[in-house]
Amino acid sequence: MGKAVPKNVKSRANILLEERPELFSENFEKNKESIKSLELPLTKKIRNRVTGFITRTKKQEKKLLEKKQ
């Protein structure tokens, strides 16, 4: 079974990925710093969940690209 991700975390992460995909990579710590630099009104817990979702999404995208080749 997959991880259940709250709707607010998914929506915020998807918006960030659409608006600024160049800021994010497969590295959690770098992504966390990128989100922190945007100065969004997020609590630490929500910021970490959004960061984790973005990191997981980027890893999945890379895996799919490698699989296609």
N, C-alpha and C. Protein backbone atom coordinates (compact mmCIF):
# COMPACT_ATOMS: atom_id res chain seq x y z
N MET A 1 0.83 -1.18 0.00
CA MET A 1 0.00 0.00 0.00
C MET A 1 0.87 1.24 0.00
N GLY A 2 0.38 2.26 -0.66
CA GLY A 2 1.12 3.50 -0.71
C GLY A 2 0.86 4.36 0.52
N LYS A 3 1.59 5.43 0.59
CA LYS A 3 1.43 6.34 1.71
C LYS A 3 0.26 7.27 1.45
N ALA A 4 -0.55 7.50 2.46
CA ALA A 4 -1.65 8.44 2.34
C ALA A 4 -1.10 9.85 2.55
N VAL A 5 -1.32 10.70 1.57
CA VAL A 5 -0.83 12.07 1.64
C VAL A 5 -2.03 13.00 1.74
N PRO A 6 -2.06 13.87 2.76
CA PRO A 6 -3.19 14.79 2.90
C PRO A 6 -3.35 15.68 1.66
N LYS A 7 -4.59 16.04 1.39
CA LYS A 7 -4.91 16.82 0.20
C LYS A 7 -4.18 18.17 0.18
N ASN A 8 -4.08 18.82 1.35
CA ASN A 8 -3.41 20.12 1.38
C ASN A 8 -1.92 20.00 1.06
N VAL A 9 -1.30 18.91 1.46
CA VAL A 9 0.13 18.70 1.17
C VAL A 9 0.32 18.46 -0.32
N LYS A 10 -0.51 17.59 -0.89
CA LYS A 10 -0.41 17.29 -2.32
C LYS A 10 -0.62 18.53 -3.17
N SER A 11 -1.66 19.30 -2.85
CA SER A 11 -1.97 20.46 -3.67
C SER A 11 -0.86 21.50 -3.60
N ARG A 12 -0.33 21.76 -2.42
CA ARG A 12 0.76 22.73 -2.29
C ARG A 12 2.01 22.26 -3.01
N ALA A 13 2.32 20.98 -2.89
CA ALA A 13 3.50 20.44 -3.55
C ALA A 13 3.35 20.50 -5.07
N ASN A 14 2.18 20.14 -5.58
CA ASN A 14 1.97 20.18 -7.03
C ASN A 14 2.04 21.59 -7.57
N ILE A 15 1.52 22.56 -6.83
CA ILE A 15 1.61 23.95 -7.26
C ILE A 15 3.07 24.39 -7.33
N LEU A 16 3.85 24.05 -6.30
CA LEU A 16 5.27 24.41 -6.30
C LEU A 16 6.02 23.73 -7.44
N LEU A 17 5.71 22.47 -7.71
CA LEU A 17 6.38 21.75 -8.81
C LEU A 17 6.02 22.35 -10.16
N GLU A 18 4.80 22.84 -10.32
CA GLU A 18 4.40 23.45 -11.59
C GLU A 18 5.05 24.82 -11.77
N GLU A 19 5.07 25.62 -10.69
CA GLU A 19 5.59 26.98 -10.78
C GLU A 19 7.11 27.05 -10.85
N ARG A 20 7.78 26.20 -10.07
CA ARG A 20 9.25 26.27 -9.98
C ARG A 20 9.90 24.89 -9.98
N PRO A 21 9.80 24.16 -11.07
CA PRO A 21 10.37 22.80 -11.09
C PRO A 21 11.90 22.79 -10.99
N GLU A 22 12.55 23.89 -11.38
CA GLU A 22 14.01 23.93 -11.38
C GLU A 22 14.59 23.99 -9.96
N LEU A 23 13.78 24.37 -8.98
CA LEU A 23 14.26 24.47 -7.60
C LEU A 23 14.44 23.12 -6.92
N PHE A 24 13.77 22.09 -7.42
CA PHE A 24 13.69 20.84 -6.69
C PHE A 24 14.45 19.71 -7.37
N SER A 25 14.97 18.80 -6.52
CA SER A 25 15.72 17.65 -7.01
C SER A 25 15.29 16.42 -6.20
N GLU A 26 16.12 15.41 -6.18
CA GLU A 26 15.83 14.18 -5.44
C GLU A 26 16.42 14.22 -4.03
N ASN A 27 16.99 15.34 -3.65
CA ASN A 27 17.64 15.49 -2.35
C ASN A 27 16.71 16.23 -1.39
N PHE A 28 16.30 15.55 -0.32
CA PHE A 28 15.36 16.11 0.65
C PHE A 28 15.89 17.39 1.28
N GLU A 29 17.15 17.39 1.71
CA GLU A 29 17.71 18.55 2.41
C GLU A 29 17.75 19.78 1.50
N LYS A 30 18.15 19.60 0.24
CA LYS A 30 18.18 20.73 -0.69
C LYS A 30 16.76 21.25 -0.96
N ASN A 31 15.82 20.33 -1.09
CA ASN A 31 14.44 20.73 -1.32
C ASN A 31 13.89 21.50 -0.12
N LYS A 32 14.25 21.05 1.07
CA LYS A 32 13.79 21.71 2.30
C LYS A 32 14.32 23.15 2.35
N GLU A 33 15.58 23.33 1.98
CA GLU A 33 16.15 24.68 1.96
C GLU A 33 15.49 25.54 0.89
N SER A 34 15.17 24.93 -0.25
CA SER A 34 14.50 25.68 -1.33
C SER A 34 13.13 26.18 -0.87
N ILE A 35 12.38 25.32 -0.22
CA ILE A 35 11.06 25.72 0.26
C ILE A 35 11.19 26.76 1.36
N LYS A 36 12.19 26.61 2.22
CA LYS A 36 12.41 27.59 3.29
C LYS A 36 12.76 28.96 2.69
N SER A 37 13.52 28.98 1.61
CA SER A 37 13.91 30.24 0.98
C SER A 37 12.73 30.96 0.32
N LEU A 38 11.69 30.22 -0.01
CA LEU A 38 10.50 30.84 -0.61
C LEU A 38 9.66 31.58 0.43
N GLU A 39 9.94 31.34 1.71
CA GLU A 39 9.26 31.99 2.82
C GLU A 39 7.75 31.85 2.75
N LEU A 40 7.30 30.63 2.54
CA LEU A 40 5.87 30.35 2.52
C LEU A 40 5.36 30.21 3.95
N PRO A 41 4.10 30.56 4.19
CA PRO A 41 3.55 30.45 5.54
C PRO A 41 3.18 29.00 5.89
N LEU A 42 4.19 28.17 6.10
CA LEU A 42 3.97 26.76 6.42
C LEU A 42 4.58 26.44 7.77
N THR A 43 3.92 25.57 8.51
CA THR A 43 4.52 25.10 9.75
C THR A 43 5.66 24.15 9.39
N LYS A 44 6.50 23.87 10.34
CA LYS A 44 7.64 22.98 10.11
C LYS A 44 7.16 21.60 9.67
N LYS A 45 6.11 21.10 10.32
CA LYS A 45 5.58 19.77 10.00
C LYS A 45 5.04 19.71 8.57
N ILE A 46 4.26 20.70 8.18
CA ILE A 46 3.70 20.73 6.83
C ILE A 46 4.81 20.93 5.80
N ARG A 47 5.77 21.81 6.12
CA ARG A 47 6.88 22.05 5.20
C ARG A 47 7.65 20.76 4.93
N ASN A 48 7.89 19.97 5.97
CA ASN A 48 8.61 18.71 5.79
C ASN A 48 7.79 17.70 5.01
N ARG A 49 6.49 17.67 5.22
CA ARG A 49 5.64 16.75 4.45
C ARG A 49 5.60 17.13 2.98
N VAL A 50 5.49 18.44 2.70
CA VAL A 50 5.50 18.92 1.31
C VAL A 50 6.84 18.57 0.67
N THR A 51 7.91 18.81 1.40
CA THR A 51 9.25 18.50 0.89
C THR A 51 9.40 17.01 0.60
N GLY A 52 8.93 16.17 1.50
CA GLY A 52 9.00 14.73 1.29
C GLY A 52 8.19 14.29 0.08
N PHE A 53 7.02 14.88 -0.10
CA PHE A 53 6.19 14.53 -1.26
C PHE A 53 6.88 14.95 -2.55
N ILE A 54 7.46 16.15 -2.56
CA ILE A 54 8.18 16.63 -3.76
C ILE A 54 9.36 15.72 -4.06
N THR A 55 10.12 15.35 -3.04
CA THR A 55 11.28 14.49 -3.23
C THR A 55 10.86 13.14 -3.79
N ARG A 56 9.81 12.56 -3.22
CA ARG A 56 9.31 11.27 -3.68
C ARG A 56 8.82 11.36 -5.13
N THR A 57 8.16 12.46 -5.46
CA THR A 57 7.65 12.66 -6.82
C THR A 57 8.80 12.76 -7.82
N LYS A 58 9.84 13.51 -7.46
CA LYS A 58 11.00 13.65 -8.34
C LYS A 58 11.70 12.31 -8.56
N LYS A 59 11.80 11.50 -7.50
CA LYS A 59 12.42 10.18 -7.63
C LYS A 59 11.59 9.28 -8.54
N GLN A 60 10.26 9.36 -8.42
CA GLN A 60 9.38 8.57 -9.27
C GLN A 60 9.50 8.98 -10.73
N GLU A 61 9.59 10.30 -10.98
CA GLU A 61 9.75 10.79 -12.35
C GLU A 61 11.04 10.26 -12.96
N LYS A 62 12.13 10.30 -12.19
CA LYS A 62 13.42 9.82 -12.70
C LYS A 62 13.35 8.33 -13.02
N LYS A 63 12.71 7.58 -12.13
CA LYS A 63 12.59 6.13 -12.32
C LYS A 63 11.79 5.82 -13.59
N LEU A 64 10.72 6.59 -13.83
CA LEU A 64 9.91 6.37 -15.03
C LEU A 64 10.71 6.69 -16.30
N LEU A 65 11.49 7.77 -16.26
CA LEU A 65 12.31 8.12 -17.41
C LEU A 65 13.36 7.06 -17.71
N GLU A 66 13.96 6.50 -16.67
CA GLU A 66 14.96 5.45 -16.86
C GLU A 66 14.31 4.19 -17.40
N LYS A 67 13.11 3.92 -16.96
CA LYS A 67 12.39 2.72 -17.40
C LYS A 67 12.02 2.80 -18.88
N LYS A 68 11.68 4.01 -19.34
CA LYS A 68 11.31 4.20 -20.75
C LYS A 68 12.49 3.99 -21.68
N GLN A 69 13.69 4.27 -21.18
CA GLN A 69 14.87 4.16 -22.05
C GLN A 69 15.40 2.79 -22.06
